[in-house]
Structure formats: structure tokens, C-alpha cells
Amino acid sequence: MATYVYETIPARAGKRAKRFEIKQSMKDAPLTRHPDTGEPVRRVITGGYGLMGVGEKSTPAPSRSSSHSCCCGGGGCGCHSG
């Protein structure tokens, strides 16, 4: 079972999306509705530190020294400036 991140799709402009995690089989279709509230949802693509390399020359994943996290993982959303 894999853990997937979903977020609600706000019905009105200005309303914030709510994120949640759910465990599903990789064979399961993505959710289209929140299991508790019935709100429409979309799956969020998140990055990880998994390596997809073979051999001894693979480099270890970088460690984070900051407790800050965001949807982009630090790659260009502007929240990591400075």
C-alpha cells in the first residue's frame, strides 16, 4: 500500500484547499471525492528522496537542515529565497 496526498478543489475562488493523506493500492484509481466530506479532490504529486540508480556510484539523497517544507520541495516556488 502506498500513501498518496490529495487536496480538495475549492468551490469558490479564495477558499483554501485542504490536504490529506490516504493509503491506497497502486492499482486503485485516484480518488475524485473526499471520503468523509464528498468534496471534489485531486491527487497531489509530491517529490521524495528515493533514488532510482543502480550501482556503487549512486549518490545519497541530500538531507534537509531546515524544518521548512512546502509543495515544491524547495525548487523554485519562491518560498526559499534569500
PDB file of N, CA and C in Angstrom:
ATOM      1  N   MET A   1       0.846  -1.185   0.000  1.00  0.00           N
ATOM      2  CA  MET A   1       0.000   0.000   0.000  1.00  0.00           C
ATOM      3  C   MET A   1       0.886   1.242   0.000  1.00  0.00           C
ATOM      4  N   ALA A   2       0.523   2.188  -0.846  1.00  0.00           N
ATOM      5  CA  ALA A   2       1.238   3.456  -0.936  1.00  0.00           C
ATOM      6  C   ALA A   2       0.401   4.544  -0.262  1.00  0.00           C
ATOM      7  N   THR A   3       1.072   5.579   0.223  1.00  0.00           N
ATOM      8  CA  THR A   3       0.383   6.720   0.799  1.00  0.00           C
ATOM      9  C   THR A   3       0.360   7.839  -0.231  1.00  0.00           C
ATOM     10  N   TYR A   4      -0.824   8.334  -0.544  1.00  0.00           N
ATOM     11  CA  TYR A   4      -0.997   9.392  -1.524  1.00  0.00           C
ATOM     12  C   TYR A   4      -1.507  10.654  -0.839  1.00  0.00           C
ATOM     13  N   VAL A   5      -1.103  11.795  -1.382  1.00  0.00           N
ATOM     14  CA  VAL A   5      -1.559  13.091  -0.889  1.00  0.00           C
ATOM     15  C   VAL A   5      -2.621  13.602  -1.855  1.00  0.00           C
ATOM     16  N   TYR A   6      -3.720  14.057  -1.304  1.00  0.00           N
ATOM     17  CA  TYR A   6      -4.806  14.655  -2.073  1.00  0.00           C
ATOM     18  C   TYR A   6      -5.099  16.036  -1.509  1.00  0.00           C
ATOM     19  N   GLU A   7      -5.749  16.869  -2.313  1.00  0.00           N
ATOM     20  CA  GLU A   7      -6.244  18.145  -1.815  1.00  0.00           C
ATOM     21  C   GLU A   7      -7.629  18.396  -2.381  1.00  0.00           C
ATOM     22  N   THR A   8      -8.420  19.095  -1.583  1.00  0.00           N
ATOM     23  CA  THR A   8      -9.765  19.434  -2.032  1.00  0.00           C
ATOM     24  C   THR A   8      -9.678  20.495  -3.120  1.00  0.00           C
ATOM     25  N   ILE A   9     -10.673  20.531  -3.975  1.00  0.00           N
ATOM     26  CA  ILE A   9     -10.760  21.542  -5.030  1.00  0.00           C
ATOM     27  C   ILE A   9     -11.808  22.545  -4.557  1.00  0.00           C
ATOM     28  N   PRO A  10     -11.365  23.734  -4.154  1.00  0.00           N
ATOM     29  CA  PRO A  10     -12.314  24.723  -3.617  1.00  0.00           C
ATOM     30  C   PRO A  10     -13.403  25.085  -4.617  1.00  0.00           C
ATOM     31  N   ALA A  11     -14.610  25.215  -4.111  1.00  0.00           N
ATOM     32  CA  ALA A  11     -15.754  25.552  -4.958  1.00  0.00           C
ATOM     33  C   ALA A  11     -15.775  27.035  -5.298  1.00  0.00           C
ATOM     34  N   ARG A  12     -15.166  27.864  -4.441  1.00  0.00           N
ATOM     35  CA  ARG A  12     -15.167  29.313  -4.660  1.00  0.00           C
ATOM     36  C   ARG A  12     -13.737  29.833  -4.684  1.00  0.00           C
ATOM     37  N   ALA A  13     -13.524  30.846  -5.480  1.00  0.00           N
ATOM     38  CA  ALA A  13     -12.212  31.497  -5.530  1.00  0.00           C
ATOM     39  C   ALA A  13     -11.887  32.084  -4.156  1.00  0.00           C
ATOM     40  N   GLY A  14     -10.657  31.959  -3.749  1.00  0.00           N
ATOM     41  CA  GLY A  14     -10.235  32.488  -2.460  1.00  0.00           C
ATOM     42  C   GLY A  14     -10.327  31.484  -1.321  1.00  0.00           C
ATOM     43  N   LYS A  15     -11.061  30.424  -1.513  1.00  0.00           N
ATOM     44  CA  LYS A  15     -11.160  29.400  -0.477  1.00  0.00           C
ATOM     45  C   LYS A  15      -9.940  28.489  -0.584  1.00  0.00           C
ATOM     46  N   ARG A  16      -9.349  28.121   0.541  1.00  0.00           N
ATOM     47  CA  ARG A  16      -8.133  27.323   0.549  1.00  0.00           C
ATOM     48  C   ARG A  16      -8.427  25.835   0.408  1.00  0.00           C
ATOM     49  N   ALA A  17      -7.553  25.172  -0.316  1.00  0.00           N
ATOM     50  CA  ALA A  17      -7.640  23.710  -0.442  1.00  0.00           C
ATOM     51  C   ALA A  17      -7.150  23.075   0.850  1.00  0.00           C
ATOM     52  N   LYS A  18      -7.709  21.924   1.183  1.00  0.00           N
ATOM     53  CA  LYS A  18      -7.278  21.170   2.365  1.00  0.00           C
ATOM     54  C   LYS A  18      -6.593  19.902   1.890  1.00  0.00           C
ATOM     55  N   ARG A  19      -5.420  19.615   2.439  1.00  0.00           N
ATOM     56  CA  ARG A  19      -4.671  18.420   2.052  1.00  0.00           C
ATOM     57  C   ARG A  19      -4.878  17.303   3.062  1.00  0.00           C
ATOM     58  N   PHE A  20      -4.836  16.072   2.553  1.00  0.00           N
ATOM     59  CA  PHE A  20      -4.915  14.902   3.418  1.00  0.00           C
ATOM     60  C   PHE A  20      -4.192  13.758   2.745  1.00  0.00           C
ATOM     61  N   GLU A  21      -3.842  12.757   3.528  1.00  0.00           N
ATOM     62  CA  GLU A  21      -3.158  11.571   3.021  1.00  0.00           C
ATOM     63  C   GLU A  21      -4.070  10.369   3.161  1.00  0.00           C
ATOM     64  N   ILE A  22      -3.912   9.435   2.243  1.00  0.00           N
ATOM     65  CA  ILE A  22      -4.691   8.200   2.307  1.00  0.00           C
ATOM     66  C   ILE A  22      -3.854   7.056   1.739  1.00  0.00           C
ATOM     67  N   LYS A  23      -3.969   5.900   2.344  1.00  0.00           N
ATOM     68  CA  LYS A  23      -3.265   4.722   1.843  1.00  0.00           C
ATOM     69  C   LYS A  23      -4.141   4.014   0.826  1.00  0.00           C
ATOM     70  N   GLN A  24      -3.549   3.728  -0.342  1.00  0.00           N
ATOM     71  CA  GLN A  24      -4.252   3.038  -1.415  1.00  0.00           C
ATOM     72  C   GLN A  24      -3.296   2.079  -2.101  1.00  0.00           C
ATOM     73  N   SER A  25      -3.842   1.093  -2.734  1.00  0.00           N
ATOM     74  CA  SER A  25      -3.047   0.229  -3.593  1.00  0.00           C
ATOM     75  C   SER A  25      -2.685   1.020  -4.843  1.00  0.00           C
ATOM     76  N   MET A  26      -1.529   0.730  -5.433  1.00  0.00           N
ATOM     77  CA  MET A  26      -1.148   1.402  -6.672  1.00  0.00           C
ATOM     78  C   MET A  26      -2.105   1.052  -7.808  1.00  0.00           C
ATOM     79  N   LYS A  27      -2.838  -0.032  -7.653  1.00  0.00           N
ATOM     80  CA  LYS A  27      -3.798  -0.449  -8.679  1.00  0.00           C
ATOM     81  C   LYS A  27      -5.122   0.306  -8.579  1.00  0.00           C
ATOM     82  N   ASP A  28      -5.374   0.953  -7.437  1.00  0.00           N
ATOM     83  CA  ASP A  28      -6.624   1.694  -7.246  1.00  0.00           C
ATOM     84  C   ASP A  28      -6.646   2.958  -8.090  1.00  0.00           C
ATOM     85  N   ALA A  29      -7.798   3.302  -8.589  1.00  0.00           N
ATOM     86  CA  ALA A  29      -7.967   4.565  -9.314  1.00  0.00           C
ATOM     87  C   ALA A  29      -7.847   5.721  -8.328  1.00  0.00           C
ATOM     88  N   PRO A  30      -7.349   6.878  -8.783  1.00  0.00           N
ATOM     89  CA  PRO A  30      -7.275   8.042  -7.894  1.00  0.00           C
ATOM     90  C   PRO A  30      -8.664   8.434  -7.396  1.00  0.00           C
ATOM     91  N   LEU A  31      -8.719   8.954  -6.180  1.00  0.00           N
ATOM     92  CA  LEU A  31      -9.990   9.429  -5.632  1.00  0.00           C
ATOM     93  C   LEU A  31     -10.459  10.651  -6.414  1.00  0.00           C
ATOM     94  N   THR A  32     -11.745  10.820  -6.491  1.00  0.00           N
ATOM     95  CA  THR A  32     -12.321  12.024  -7.084  1.00  0.00           C
ATOM     96  C   THR A  32     -13.117  12.817  -6.052  1.00  0.00           C
ATOM     97  N   ARG A  33     -13.431  12.184  -4.921  1.00  0.00           N
ATOM     98  CA  ARG A  33     -14.190  12.810  -3.830  1.00  0.00           C
ATOM     99  C   ARG A  33     -13.523  12.501  -2.500  1.00  0.00           C
ATOM    100  N   HIS A  34     -13.596  13.447  -1.574  1.00  0.00           N
ATOM    101  CA  HIS A  34     -13.079  13.244  -0.215  1.00  0.00           C
ATOM    102  C   HIS A  34     -13.901  12.137   0.435  1.00  0.00           C
ATOM    103  N   PRO A  35     -13.254  11.140   1.047  1.00  0.00           N
ATOM    104  CA  PRO A  35     -14.016  10.014   1.599  1.00  0.00           C
ATOM    105  C   PRO A  35     -14.973  10.396   2.730  1.00  0.00           C
ATOM    106  N   ASP A  36     -14.700  11.495   3.448  1.00  0.00           N
ATOM    107  CA  ASP A  36     -15.572  11.895   4.559  1.00  0.00           C
ATOM    108  C   ASP A  36     -16.576  12.975   4.186  1.00  0.00           C
ATOM    109  N   THR A  37     -16.136  13.955   3.392  1.00  0.00           N
ATOM    110  CA  THR A  37     -16.994  15.114   3.124  1.00  0.00           C
ATOM    111  C   THR A  37     -17.655  15.088   1.751  1.00  0.00           C
ATOM    112  N   GLY A  38     -17.126  14.296   0.817  1.00  0.00           N
ATOM    113  CA  GLY A  38     -17.681  14.253  -0.524  1.00  0.00           C
ATOM    114  C   GLY A  38     -17.223  15.386  -1.431  1.00  0.00           C
ATOM    115  N   GLU A  39     -16.353  16.281  -0.908  1.00  0.00           N
ATOM    116  CA  GLU A  39     -15.835  17.377  -1.734  1.00  0.00           C
ATOM    117  C   GLU A  39     -14.986  16.814  -2.869  1.00  0.00           C
ATOM    118  N   PRO A  40     -14.959  17.480  -4.016  1.00  0.00           N
ATOM    119  CA  PRO A  40     -14.084  17.030  -5.106  1.00  0.00           C
ATOM    120  C   PRO A  40     -12.610  17.188  -4.698  1.00  0.00           C
ATOM    121  N   VAL A  41     -11.789  16.227  -5.113  1.00  0.00           N
ATOM    122  CA  VAL A  41     -10.368  16.247  -4.765  1.00  0.00           C
ATOM    123  C   VAL A  41      -9.514  15.926  -5.991  1.00  0.00           C
ATOM    124  N   ARG A  42      -8.226  16.261  -5.885  1.00  0.00           N
ATOM    125  CA  ARG A  42      -7.243  15.876  -6.901  1.00  0.00           C
ATOM    126  C   ARG A  42      -6.017  15.340  -6.177  1.00  0.00           C
ATOM    127  N   ARG A  43      -5.315  14.429  -6.844  1.00  0.00           N
ATOM    128  CA  ARG A  43      -4.097  13.867  -6.281  1.00  0.00           C
ATOM    129  C   ARG A  43      -2.966  14.875  -6.469  1.00  0.00           C
ATOM    130  N   VAL A  44      -2.157  15.040  -5.441  1.00  0.00           N
ATOM    131  CA  VAL A  44      -1.038  15.967  -5.466  1.00  0.00           C
ATOM    132  C   VAL A  44       0.236  15.170  -5.724  1.00  0.00           C
ATOM    133  N   ILE A  45       1.014  15.598  -6.699  1.00  0.00           N
ATOM    134  CA  ILE A  45       2.277  14.947  -6.985  1.00  0.00           C
ATOM    135  C   ILE A  45       3.323  15.542  -6.057  1.00  0.00           C
ATOM    136  N   THR A  46       3.955  14.701  -5.267  1.00  0.00           N
ATOM    137  CA  THR A  46       4.974  15.164  -4.341  1.00  0.00           C
ATOM    138  C   THR A  46       6.299  14.502  -4.671  1.00  0.00           C
ATOM    139  N   GLY A  47       7.364  15.158  -4.327  1.00  0.00           N
ATOM    140  CA  GLY A  47       8.702  14.619  -4.554  1.00  0.00           C
ATOM    141  C   GLY A  47       9.160  13.836  -3.345  1.00  0.00           C
ATOM    142  N   GLY A  48      10.120  13.005  -3.565  1.00  0.00           N
ATOM    143  CA  GLY A  48      10.678  12.232  -2.472  1.00  0.00           C
ATOM    144  C   GLY A  48      12.181  12.160  -2.603  1.00  0.00           C
ATOM    145  N   TYR A  49      12.791  11.450  -1.707  1.00  0.00           N
ATOM    146  CA  TYR A  49      14.231  11.302  -1.723  1.00  0.00           C
ATOM    147  C   TYR A  49      14.648   9.932  -2.221  1.00  0.00           C
ATOM    148  N   GLY A  50      13.726   9.184  -2.797  1.00  0.00           N
ATOM    149  CA  GLY A  50      14.066   7.870  -3.316  1.00  0.00           C
ATOM    150  C   GLY A  50      15.019   7.987  -4.496  1.00  0.00           C
ATOM    151  N   LEU A  51      15.956   7.096  -4.560  1.00  0.00           N
ATOM    152  CA  LEU A  51      16.918   7.105  -5.656  1.00  0.00           C
ATOM    153  C   LEU A  51      16.580   6.011  -6.635  1.00  0.00           C
ATOM    154  N   MET A  52      16.719   6.299  -7.900  1.00  0.00           N
ATOM    155  CA  MET A  52      16.473   5.303  -8.920  1.00  0.00           C
ATOM    156  C   MET A  52      17.762   5.104  -9.703  1.00  0.00           C
ATOM    157  N   GLY A  53      18.745   4.568  -9.037  1.00  0.00           N
ATOM    158  CA  GLY A  53      20.031   4.340  -9.672  1.00  0.00           C
ATOM    159  C   GLY A  53      20.507   2.939  -9.358  1.00  0.00           C
ATOM    160  N   VAL A  54      21.406   2.452 -10.173  1.00  0.00           N
ATOM    161  CA  VAL A  54      21.950   1.126  -9.966  1.00  0.00           C
ATOM    162  C   VAL A  54      23.458   1.256  -9.900  1.00  0.00           C
ATOM    163  N   GLY A  55      24.040   0.538  -8.989  1.00  0.00           N
ATOM    164  CA  GLY A  55      25.495   0.526  -8.933  1.00  0.00           C
ATOM    165  C   GLY A  55      26.029   1.284  -7.738  1.00  0.00           C
ATOM    166  N   GLU A  56      27.344   1.270  -7.638  1.00  0.00           N
ATOM    167  CA  GLU A  56      28.014   1.873  -6.490  1.00  0.00           C
ATOM    168  C   GLU A  56      28.143   3.379  -6.616  1.00  0.00           C
ATOM    169  N   LYS A  57      27.929   3.953  -7.775  1.00  0.00           N
ATOM    170  CA  LYS A  57      28.146   5.380  -7.990  1.00  0.00           C
ATOM    171  C   LYS A  57      26.926   6.226  -7.657  1.00  0.00           C
ATOM    172  N   SER A  58      25.882   5.614  -7.138  1.00  0.00           N
ATOM    173  CA  SER A  58      24.706   6.389  -6.741  1.00  0.00           C
ATOM    174  C   SER A  58      25.082   7.290  -5.582  1.00  0.00           C
ATOM    175  N   THR A  59      24.585   8.518  -5.603  1.00  0.00           N
ATOM    176  CA  THR A  59      24.876   9.443  -4.516  1.00  0.00           C
ATOM    177  C   THR A  59      23.719   9.452  -3.538  1.00  0.00           C
ATOM    178  N   PRO A  60      24.022   9.639  -2.259  1.00  0.00           N
ATOM    179  CA  PRO A  60      22.942   9.665  -1.277  1.00  0.00           C
ATOM    180  C   PRO A  60      22.075  10.903  -1.446  1.00  0.00           C
ATOM    181  N   ALA A  61      20.848  10.795  -0.998  1.00  0.00           N
ATOM    182  CA  ALA A  61      19.916  11.914  -1.078  1.00  0.00           C
ATOM    183  C   ALA A  61      20.361  13.009  -0.129  1.00  0.00           C
ATOM    184  N   PRO A  62      20.165  14.273  -0.497  1.00  0.00           N
ATOM    185  CA  PRO A  62      20.564  15.372   0.381  1.00  0.00           C
ATOM    186  C   PRO A  62      19.679  15.404   1.620  1.00  0.00           C
ATOM    187  N   SER A  63      20.251  15.865   2.709  1.00  0.00           N
ATOM    188  CA  SER A  63      19.462  15.987   3.932  1.00  0.00           C
ATOM    189  C   SER A  63      19.021  17.428   4.074  1.00  0.00           C
ATOM    190  N   ARG A  64      17.900  17.622   4.715  1.00  0.00           N
ATOM    191  CA  ARG A  64      17.383  18.969   4.924  1.00  0.00           C
ATOM    192  C   ARG A  64      17.796  19.437   6.304  1.00  0.00           C
ATOM    193  N   SER A  65      18.359  20.622   6.365  1.00  0.00           N
ATOM    194  CA  SER A  65      18.720  21.183   7.660  1.00  0.00           C
ATOM    195  C   SER A  65      17.611  22.062   8.208  1.00  0.00           C
ATOM    196  N   SER A  66      16.675  22.423   7.377  1.00  0.00           N
ATOM    197  CA  SER A  66      15.580  23.295   7.783  1.00  0.00           C
ATOM    198  C   SER A  66      14.317  22.477   7.987  1.00  0.00           C
ATOM    199  N   SER A  67      13.484  22.930   8.904  1.00  0.00           N
ATOM    200  CA  SER A  67      12.212  22.241   9.130  1.00  0.00           C
ATOM    201  C   SER A  67      11.138  22.753   8.181  1.00  0.00           C
ATOM    202  N   HIS A  68      11.498  23.719   7.311  1.00  0.00           N
ATOM    203  CA  HIS A  68      10.529  24.276   6.370  1.00  0.00           C
ATOM    204  C   HIS A  68      10.183  23.251   5.301  1.00  0.00           C
ATOM    205  N   SER A  69       8.927  23.139   4.989  1.00  0.00           N
ATOM    206  CA  SER A  69       8.519  22.276   3.882  1.00  0.00           C
ATOM    207  C   SER A  69       7.409  22.981   3.123  1.00  0.00           C
ATOM    208  N   CYS A  70       7.361  22.706   1.854  1.00  0.00           N
ATOM    209  CA  CYS A  70       6.289  23.254   1.035  1.00  0.00           C
ATOM    210  C   CYS A  70       6.036  22.291  -0.107  1.00  0.00           C
ATOM    211  N   CYS A  71       5.090  22.630  -0.930  1.00  0.00           N
ATOM    212  CA  CYS A  71       4.696  21.736  -2.003  1.00  0.00           C
ATOM    213  C   CYS A  71       5.780  21.534  -3.038  1.00  0.00           C
ATOM    214  N   CYS A  72       6.713  22.459  -3.165  1.00  0.00           N
ATOM    215  CA  CYS A  72       7.693  22.369  -4.231  1.00  0.00           C
ATOM    216  C   CYS A  72       8.969  21.669  -3.804  1.00  0.00           C
ATOM    217  N   GLY A  73       9.159  21.415  -2.499  1.00  0.00           N
ATOM    218  CA  GLY A  73      10.395  20.784  -2.048  1.00  0.00           C
ATOM    219  C   GLY A  73      11.594  21.692  -2.191  1.00  0.00           C
ATOM    220  N   GLY A  74      11.380  23.009  -2.307  1.00  0.00           N
ATOM    221  CA  GLY A  74      12.481  23.944  -2.376  1.00  0.00           C
ATOM    222  C   GLY A  74      12.953  24.237  -3.773  1.00  0.00           C
ATOM    223  N   GLY A  75      12.193  23.879  -4.790  1.00  0.00           N
ATOM    224  CA  GLY A  75      12.687  24.021  -6.137  1.00  0.00           C
ATOM    225  C   GLY A  75      12.027  25.081  -6.976  1.00  0.00           C
ATOM    226  N   GLY A  76      11.964  26.305  -6.539  1.00  0.00           N
ATOM    227  CA  GLY A  76      11.556  27.348  -7.464  1.00  0.00           C
ATOM    228  C   GLY A  76      10.207  27.989  -7.218  1.00  0.00           C
ATOM    229  N   CYS A  77       9.584  27.762  -6.099  1.00  0.00           N
ATOM    230  CA  CYS A  77       8.303  28.415  -5.875  1.00  0.00           C
ATOM    231  C   CYS A  77       8.480  29.810  -5.278  1.00  0.00           C
ATOM    232  N   GLY A  78       9.728  30.132  -4.908  1.00  0.00           N
ATOM    233  CA  GLY A  78       9.972  31.435  -4.349  1.00  0.00           C
ATOM    234  C   GLY A  78       9.926  31.486  -2.831  1.00  0.00           C
ATOM    235  N   CYS A  79       9.534  30.402  -2.196  1.00  0.00           N
ATOM    236  CA  CYS A  79       9.448  30.411  -0.743  1.00  0.00           C
ATOM    237  C   CYS A  79      10.803  30.172  -0.085  1.00  0.00           C
ATOM    238  N   HIS A  80      11.826  29.865  -0.864  1.00  0.00           N
ATOM    239  CA  HIS A  80      13.158  29.599  -0.325  1.00  0.00           C
ATOM    240  C   HIS A  80      14.148  30.666  -0.726  1.00  0.00           C
ATOM    241  N   SER A  81      13.678  31.875  -0.968  1.00  0.00           N
ATOM    242  CA  SER A  81      14.589  32.923  -1.412  1.00  0.00           C
ATOM    243  C   SER A  81      15.433  33.422  -0.250  1.00  0.00           C
ATOM    244  N   GLY A  82      16.616  33.877  -0.590  1.00  0.00           N
ATOM    245  CA  GLY A  82      17.472  34.507   0.409  1.00  0.00           C
ATOM    246  C   GLY A  82      18.531  33.689   0.883  1.00  0.00           C
TER     247      GLY A  82
END
